[in-house]
């Protein structure tokens, strides 16, 4: 359980104040990818995960907060739909993700990243990997047949095959400690900017809405498809920088190469045989994941190319 973050605008300020005893704000007009909306959504979604210290658990289903969250989701979801080409060709969308174009974050870290770049990257990703697999679990009761069974099989691996110390979220915390980073839950939330918040908010939004179950399957597949080659590059980056705690990435090299095939054949394939009307939603989930990850990568590389921190606060990960 983490602490409430500092607000980044009038909407997040109103929500955080309300969780501490104030009044809820209205949604207003705001940038769909901006700091205020993305932090507002992250705070709302966190109530469905571990919550915040000192915040009543009843806020999870507060009807006024849910109405406000829905208004924010409509803005975010509209921007996501506007930002992707869409369509109904799942294989083409997957092939696009599998194109290993140079110039991404893992390529940078493998080729020339310094230790402070790596530490910043891990700090960013902590708000995702400390809840890794959790949002995907929400889709399980919304699937049937082989698709359901195969998602459970992939999730079983994500949760360490029943061993708490082997859960991928636990392995990520091991990596953080190996890099002398604070691994307490949401320790870096105040430092992480909107592009990374959007990465997590996308999967939370997809997971919490049954109507977006096809998009969540697309997101889950995108994560598994892109993970193995990226993890291999990250393993080489850690080796080059002399970091010994590499298990998080070596585990993903092996596991996600298998998960990719399971997601394509047994999850997406079975789901669309049963519910072909979800084809466009699966494509949307694949493309929207690529969109938010691309925005995040552009933020990191833009900051690093300029020689400055990619984090928000002065207390960065250097």
Protein backbone atom coordinates (compact mmCIF):
# COMPACT_ATOMS: atom_id res chain seq x y z
CA UNK A 1 0.00 0.00 0.00
CA UNK A 2 1.44 3.35 -1.06
CA UNK A 3 0.92 6.93 -0.01
CA UNK A 4 -1.25 9.43 -1.85
CA UNK A 5 0.83 11.30 -4.45
CA UNK A 6 1.14 15.04 -4.85
CA UNK A 7 -1.44 16.49 -7.27
CA UNK A 8 -0.52 17.70 -10.74
CA UNK A 9 -3.51 19.88 -11.57
CA UNK A 10 -7.04 20.81 -10.47
CA UNK A 11 -8.66 17.42 -11.12
CA UNK A 12 -6.02 15.31 -9.39
CA UNK A 13 -5.88 17.87 -6.58
CA UNK A 14 -9.64 17.56 -6.09
CA UNK A 15 -9.58 13.76 -6.13
CA UNK A 16 -6.67 13.50 -3.72
CA UNK A 17 -8.30 16.07 -1.45
CA UNK A 18 -11.60 14.14 -1.54
CA UNK A 19 -9.86 10.91 -0.55
CA UNK A 20 -8.58 12.79 2.47
CA UNK A 21 -11.97 14.30 3.34
CA UNK A 22 -12.61 17.05 0.77
CA UNK A 23 -15.12 17.39 -2.09
CA UNK A 24 -14.83 15.80 -5.51
CA UNK A 25 -14.15 18.06 -8.51
CA UNK A 26 -15.74 17.95 -11.95
CA UNK A 27 -13.77 16.47 -14.84
CA UNK A 28 -13.51 19.67 -16.89
CA UNK A 29 -11.53 19.86 -20.13
CA UNK A 30 -8.01 18.51 -19.94
CA UNK A 31 -5.22 17.00 -22.04
CA UNK A 32 -5.95 13.26 -22.42
CA UNK A 33 -2.25 12.43 -22.13
CA UNK A 34 -1.40 15.19 -19.66
CA UNK A 35 -0.15 14.96 -16.09
CA UNK A 36 -3.46 15.94 -14.43
CA UNK A 37 -5.71 13.44 -16.18
CA UNK A 38 -3.22 10.58 -16.08
CA UNK A 39 -2.49 10.98 -12.38
CA UNK A 40 -6.21 11.31 -11.68
CA UNK A 41 -6.91 8.03 -13.43
CA UNK A 42 -3.96 6.31 -11.76
CA UNK A 43 -5.23 7.33 -8.31
CA UNK A 44 -8.76 6.15 -9.15
CA UNK A 45 -7.48 2.81 -10.45
CA UNK A 46 -5.14 2.23 -7.54
CA UNK A 47 -8.21 1.95 -5.30
CA UNK A 48 -8.89 -1.38 -7.10
CA UNK A 49 -5.36 -2.64 -6.42
CA UNK A 50 -3.70 -2.14 -3.02
CA UNK A 51 -5.10 1.30 -2.29
CA UNK A 52 -3.47 4.13 -0.39
CA UNK A 53 -2.42 4.39 3.23
CA UNK A 54 -5.07 6.24 5.25
CA UNK A 55 -7.72 6.10 2.50
CA UNK A 56 -10.98 4.27 3.32
CA UNK A 57 -11.41 1.14 1.18
CA UNK A 58 -15.02 2.17 0.57
CA UNK A 59 -13.81 4.74 -1.96
CA UNK A 60 -13.27 1.90 -4.44
CA UNK A 61 -16.98 1.85 -5.28
CA UNK A 62 -17.98 5.41 -4.43
CA UNK A 63 -20.58 6.29 -7.11
CA UNK A 64 -19.56 9.94 -7.45
CA UNK A 65 -15.89 9.03 -7.90
CA UNK A 66 -16.83 6.34 -10.41
CA UNK A 67 -18.83 8.87 -12.43
CA UNK A 68 -15.86 11.23 -12.45
CA UNK A 69 -13.53 8.40 -13.46
CA UNK A 70 -15.87 7.49 -16.32
CA UNK A 71 -15.71 11.07 -17.62
CA UNK A 72 -11.91 10.93 -17.55
CA UNK A 73 -11.88 7.50 -19.20
CA UNK A 74 -14.01 8.78 -22.06
CA UNK A 75 -11.43 11.48 -22.75
CA UNK A 76 -8.51 9.04 -22.57
CA UNK A 77 -10.24 6.31 -24.56
CA UNK A 78 -11.26 8.78 -27.25
CA UNK A 79 -7.68 9.97 -27.64
CA UNK A 80 -6.44 6.37 -27.87
CA UNK A 81 -8.95 5.52 -30.59
CA UNK A 82 -8.05 8.69 -32.48
CA UNK A 83 -4.35 7.86 -32.21
CA UNK A 84 -4.40 4.39 -33.83
CA UNK A 85 -5.36 3.23 -37.33
CA UNK A 86 -7.75 0.52 -36.14
CA UNK A 87 -9.00 -2.21 -38.44
CA UNK A 88 -9.73 -5.91 -38.15
CA UNK A 89 -6.48 -7.55 -39.30
CA UNK A 90 -5.11 -9.12 -36.14
CA UNK A 91 -2.16 -10.83 -37.83
CA UNK A 92 -1.04 -7.59 -39.47
CA UNK A 93 -1.22 -5.78 -36.13
CA UNK A 94 0.86 -8.51 -34.49
CA UNK A 95 3.41 -8.50 -37.32
CA UNK A 96 3.76 -4.74 -36.88
CA UNK A 97 4.63 -5.24 -33.21
CA UNK A 98 7.18 -7.91 -34.05
CA UNK A 99 9.15 -5.60 -36.35
CA UNK A 100 12.34 -5.05 -34.38
CA UNK A 101 13.18 -1.52 -35.48
CA UNK A 102 16.33 -0.08 -33.86
CA UNK A 103 16.19 3.05 -31.78
CA UNK A 104 14.02 1.92 -28.87
CA UNK A 105 14.78 2.20 -25.16
CA UNK A 106 16.17 -1.34 -24.81
CA UNK A 107 18.41 -0.75 -27.84
CA UNK A 108 19.70 2.47 -26.25
CA UNK A 109 20.39 0.77 -22.93
CA UNK A 110 22.08 -2.20 -24.59
CA UNK A 111 24.32 -0.10 -26.82
CA UNK A 112 25.27 2.98 -24.84
CA UNK A 113 23.14 3.41 -21.73
CA UNK A 114 24.88 4.39 -18.50
CA UNK A 115 23.95 3.13 -15.06
CA UNK A 116 21.87 6.23 -14.30
CA UNK A 117 19.82 5.63 -17.46
CA UNK A 118 19.14 2.07 -16.37
CA UNK A 119 18.18 3.11 -12.85
CA UNK A 120 15.77 5.72 -14.20
CA UNK A 121 14.19 3.20 -16.55
CA UNK A 122 13.65 0.73 -13.72
CA UNK A 123 12.21 3.46 -11.49
CA UNK A 124 9.71 4.34 -14.22
CA UNK A 125 8.66 0.75 -14.83
CA UNK A 126 8.22 0.03 -11.12
CA UNK A 127 4.69 1.45 -11.15
CA UNK A 128 3.86 -1.25 -13.72
CA UNK A 129 5.90 -4.25 -12.67
CA UNK A 130 5.04 -4.01 -8.98
CA UNK A 131 1.50 -4.95 -10.05
CA UNK A 132 2.56 -7.09 -13.01
CA UNK A 133 -0.16 -9.56 -14.11
CA UNK A 134 -2.80 -8.10 -11.77
CA UNK A 135 -4.83 -6.15 -14.37
CA UNK A 136 -4.71 -9.09 -16.76
CA UNK A 137 -6.29 -11.31 -14.11
CA UNK A 138 -9.49 -9.28 -14.40
CA UNK A 139 -10.14 -10.74 -17.85
CA UNK A 140 -10.19 -14.36 -16.65
CA UNK A 141 -13.87 -14.50 -15.56
CA UNK A 142 -14.81 -12.75 -18.83
CA UNK A 143 -13.40 -15.52 -21.03
CA UNK A 144 -14.49 -19.10 -21.67
CA UNK A 145 -12.98 -22.31 -22.97
CA UNK A 146 -9.37 -22.54 -24.14
CA UNK A 147 -8.87 -18.78 -24.05
CA UNK A 148 -9.65 -18.74 -20.32
CA UNK A 149 -7.50 -21.79 -19.58
CA UNK A 150 -4.54 -20.41 -21.53
CA UNK A 151 -4.68 -16.98 -19.87
CA UNK A 152 -4.65 -18.76 -16.50
CA UNK A 153 -1.61 -20.77 -17.63
CA UNK A 154 0.27 -17.62 -18.61
CA UNK A 155 -0.75 -15.88 -15.40
CA UNK A 156 0.45 -18.88 -13.38
CA UNK A 157 3.92 -18.25 -14.77
CA UNK A 158 3.64 -14.51 -14.10
CA UNK A 159 2.83 -15.29 -10.48
CA UNK A 160 5.90 -17.48 -10.09
CA UNK A 161 4.29 -20.89 -10.53
CA UNK A 162 2.91 -20.65 -7.02
CA UNK A 163 6.14 -19.45 -5.39
CA UNK A 164 5.90 -15.97 -3.92
CA UNK A 165 9.61 -15.24 -4.29
CA UNK A 166 9.44 -16.13 -8.00
CA UNK A 167 6.54 -13.85 -8.88
CA UNK A 168 7.62 -11.46 -11.60
CA UNK A 169 6.68 -8.53 -9.40
CA UNK A 170 8.98 -9.92 -6.68
CA UNK A 171 11.80 -10.45 -9.18
CA UNK A 172 11.45 -6.84 -10.26
CA UNK A 173 11.81 -5.70 -6.65
CA UNK A 174 14.96 -7.83 -6.43
CA UNK A 175 16.27 -5.92 -9.46
CA UNK A 176 15.40 -2.59 -7.82
CA UNK A 177 17.30 -3.49 -4.67
CA UNK A 178 20.23 -4.62 -6.80
CA UNK A 179 20.29 -1.12 -8.29
CA UNK A 180 20.00 0.55 -4.87
CA UNK A 181 16.49 1.85 -5.66
CA UNK A 182 13.65 2.14 -3.18
CA UNK A 183 11.46 -0.91 -3.91
CA UNK A 184 8.57 -0.03 -1.61
CA UNK A 185 5.20 -0.06 -3.34
CA UNK A 186 4.61 3.07 -5.48
CA UNK A 187 7.71 4.73 -4.04
CA UNK A 188 8.35 6.38 -7.42
CA UNK A 189 4.82 7.50 -8.24
CA UNK A 190 5.57 11.19 -7.65
CA UNK A 191 8.61 10.97 -9.90
CA UNK A 192 7.04 9.19 -12.87
CA UNK A 193 5.59 11.46 -15.61
CA UNK A 194 2.36 11.11 -17.56
CA UNK A 195 3.71 8.94 -20.43
CA UNK A 196 4.50 6.11 -18.00
CA UNK A 197 1.26 6.61 -16.06
CA UNK A 198 -0.61 6.17 -19.35
CA UNK A 199 1.04 2.78 -19.92
CA UNK A 200 -0.40 1.47 -16.65
CA UNK A 201 -3.71 3.31 -16.94
CA UNK A 202 -4.37 1.68 -20.30
CA UNK A 203 -4.21 -1.85 -18.92
CA UNK A 204 -6.15 -0.89 -15.79
CA UNK A 205 -8.94 0.67 -17.86
CA UNK A 206 -9.10 -2.32 -20.20
CA UNK A 207 -9.11 -4.72 -17.26
CA UNK A 208 -11.88 -3.02 -15.31
CA UNK A 209 -14.38 -2.92 -18.19
CA UNK A 210 -15.95 -6.11 -19.50
CA UNK A 211 -16.81 -4.21 -22.67
CA UNK A 212 -13.06 -3.81 -23.28
CA UNK A 213 -12.14 -7.47 -22.72
CA UNK A 214 -11.05 -7.85 -26.34
CA UNK A 215 -8.79 -4.82 -25.98
CA UNK A 216 -7.27 -6.28 -22.81
CA UNK A 217 -6.52 -9.54 -24.62
CA UNK A 218 -4.87 -7.47 -27.35
CA UNK A 219 -2.86 -5.56 -24.75
CA UNK A 220 -1.81 -8.75 -22.96
CA UNK A 221 -0.71 -10.28 -26.26
CA UNK A 222 1.25 -7.15 -27.18
CA UNK A 223 3.06 -7.26 -23.84
CA UNK A 224 4.03 -10.91 -24.28
CA UNK A 225 4.97 -10.56 -27.96
CA UNK A 226 7.36 -7.67 -27.42
CA UNK A 227 8.79 -8.78 -24.09
CA UNK A 228 11.20 -11.58 -25.03
CA UNK A 229 13.46 -9.71 -27.51
CA UNK A 230 13.40 -6.60 -25.33
CA UNK A 231 14.28 -8.64 -22.24
CA UNK A 232 17.22 -10.21 -24.10
CA UNK A 233 18.57 -6.75 -24.89
CA UNK A 234 18.04 -5.65 -21.29
CA UNK A 235 19.95 -8.70 -20.05
CA UNK A 236 22.90 -7.73 -22.24
CA UNK A 237 22.64 -4.15 -21.00
CA UNK A 238 22.80 -5.27 -17.37
CA UNK A 239 25.74 -7.55 -18.12
CA UNK A 240 27.61 -4.70 -19.83
CA UNK A 241 26.98 -2.40 -16.86
CA UNK A 242 28.05 -5.02 -14.32
CA UNK A 243 24.62 -5.49 -12.72
CA UNK A 244 24.35 -8.96 -11.24
CA UNK A 245 20.61 -9.07 -10.56
CA UNK A 246 19.39 -10.12 -14.01
CA UNK A 247 16.79 -12.79 -13.19
CA UNK A 248 13.79 -10.57 -13.93
CA UNK A 249 14.88 -10.15 -17.53
CA UNK A 250 16.33 -13.63 -18.13
CA UNK A 251 13.04 -15.10 -16.89
CA UNK A 252 11.14 -13.03 -19.45
CA UNK A 253 13.42 -14.09 -22.30
CA UNK A 254 12.45 -17.73 -21.80
CA UNK A 255 8.89 -17.48 -20.54
CA UNK A 256 7.55 -14.84 -22.91
CA UNK A 257 8.86 -16.59 -26.01
CA UNK A 258 6.44 -19.37 -25.09
CA UNK A 259 3.71 -16.99 -23.94
CA UNK A 260 3.75 -15.25 -27.31
CA UNK A 261 2.62 -18.41 -29.08
CA UNK A 262 0.05 -19.23 -26.42
CA UNK A 263 -1.45 -15.75 -26.65
CA UNK A 264 -1.62 -15.81 -30.46
CA UNK A 265 -2.96 -19.32 -30.95
CA UNK A 266 -4.82 -20.31 -27.79
CA UNK A 267 -6.06 -17.01 -26.41
CA UNK A 268 -6.68 -14.69 -29.36
CA UNK A 269 -7.47 -17.58 -31.70
CA UNK A 270 -9.99 -19.21 -29.38
CA UNK A 271 -11.54 -15.92 -28.29
CA UNK A 272 -12.19 -14.80 -31.86
CA UNK A 273 -13.58 -18.18 -32.87
CA UNK A 274 -16.14 -17.75 -30.12
CA UNK A 275 -16.64 -13.98 -30.39
CA UNK A 276 -15.53 -12.80 -33.83
CA UNK A 277 -17.23 -9.45 -33.18
CA UNK A 278 -14.31 -8.64 -30.82
CA UNK A 279 -11.73 -8.68 -33.63
CA UNK A 280 -11.53 -4.89 -33.95
CA UNK A 281 -11.23 -4.59 -30.16
CA UNK A 282 -8.26 -6.99 -30.11
CA UNK A 283 -6.59 -4.95 -32.85
CA UNK A 284 -7.29 -1.78 -30.89
CA UNK A 285 -5.67 -3.27 -27.78
CA UNK A 286 -2.56 -4.23 -29.75
CA UNK A 287 -2.27 -0.82 -31.39
CA UNK A 288 -3.11 1.24 -28.28
CA UNK A 289 -0.40 -0.59 -26.33
CA UNK A 290 2.11 0.27 -29.05
CA UNK A 291 0.92 3.90 -28.97
CA UNK A 292 1.39 4.47 -25.22
CA UNK A 293 4.66 2.53 -25.11
CA UNK A 294 5.91 4.61 -28.04
CA UNK A 295 5.02 7.85 -26.26
CA UNK A 296 6.85 6.63 -23.16
CA UNK A 297 9.94 5.67 -25.18
CA UNK A 298 9.96 9.04 -26.93
CA UNK A 299 9.86 10.80 -23.55
CA UNK A 300 12.80 8.81 -22.18
CA UNK A 301 14.98 9.07 -25.25
CA UNK A 302 14.22 12.76 -25.70
CA UNK A 303 15.31 13.50 -22.15
CA UNK A 304 18.39 11.28 -22.31
CA UNK A 305 19.52 12.65 -25.67
CA UNK A 306 19.35 16.10 -24.08
CA UNK A 307 21.46 14.88 -21.14
CA UNK A 308 18.75 15.40 -18.53
CA UNK A 309 16.70 13.22 -16.22
CA UNK A 310 13.50 11.68 -17.53
CA UNK A 311 11.93 11.76 -14.05
CA UNK A 312 9.82 14.62 -12.71
CA UNK A 313 11.42 15.32 -9.35
CA UNK A 314 14.82 16.67 -8.43
CA UNK A 315 15.43 13.54 -6.36
CA UNK A 316 16.05 11.40 -9.44
CA UNK A 317 17.56 7.93 -9.76
CA UNK A 318 21.14 9.01 -10.51
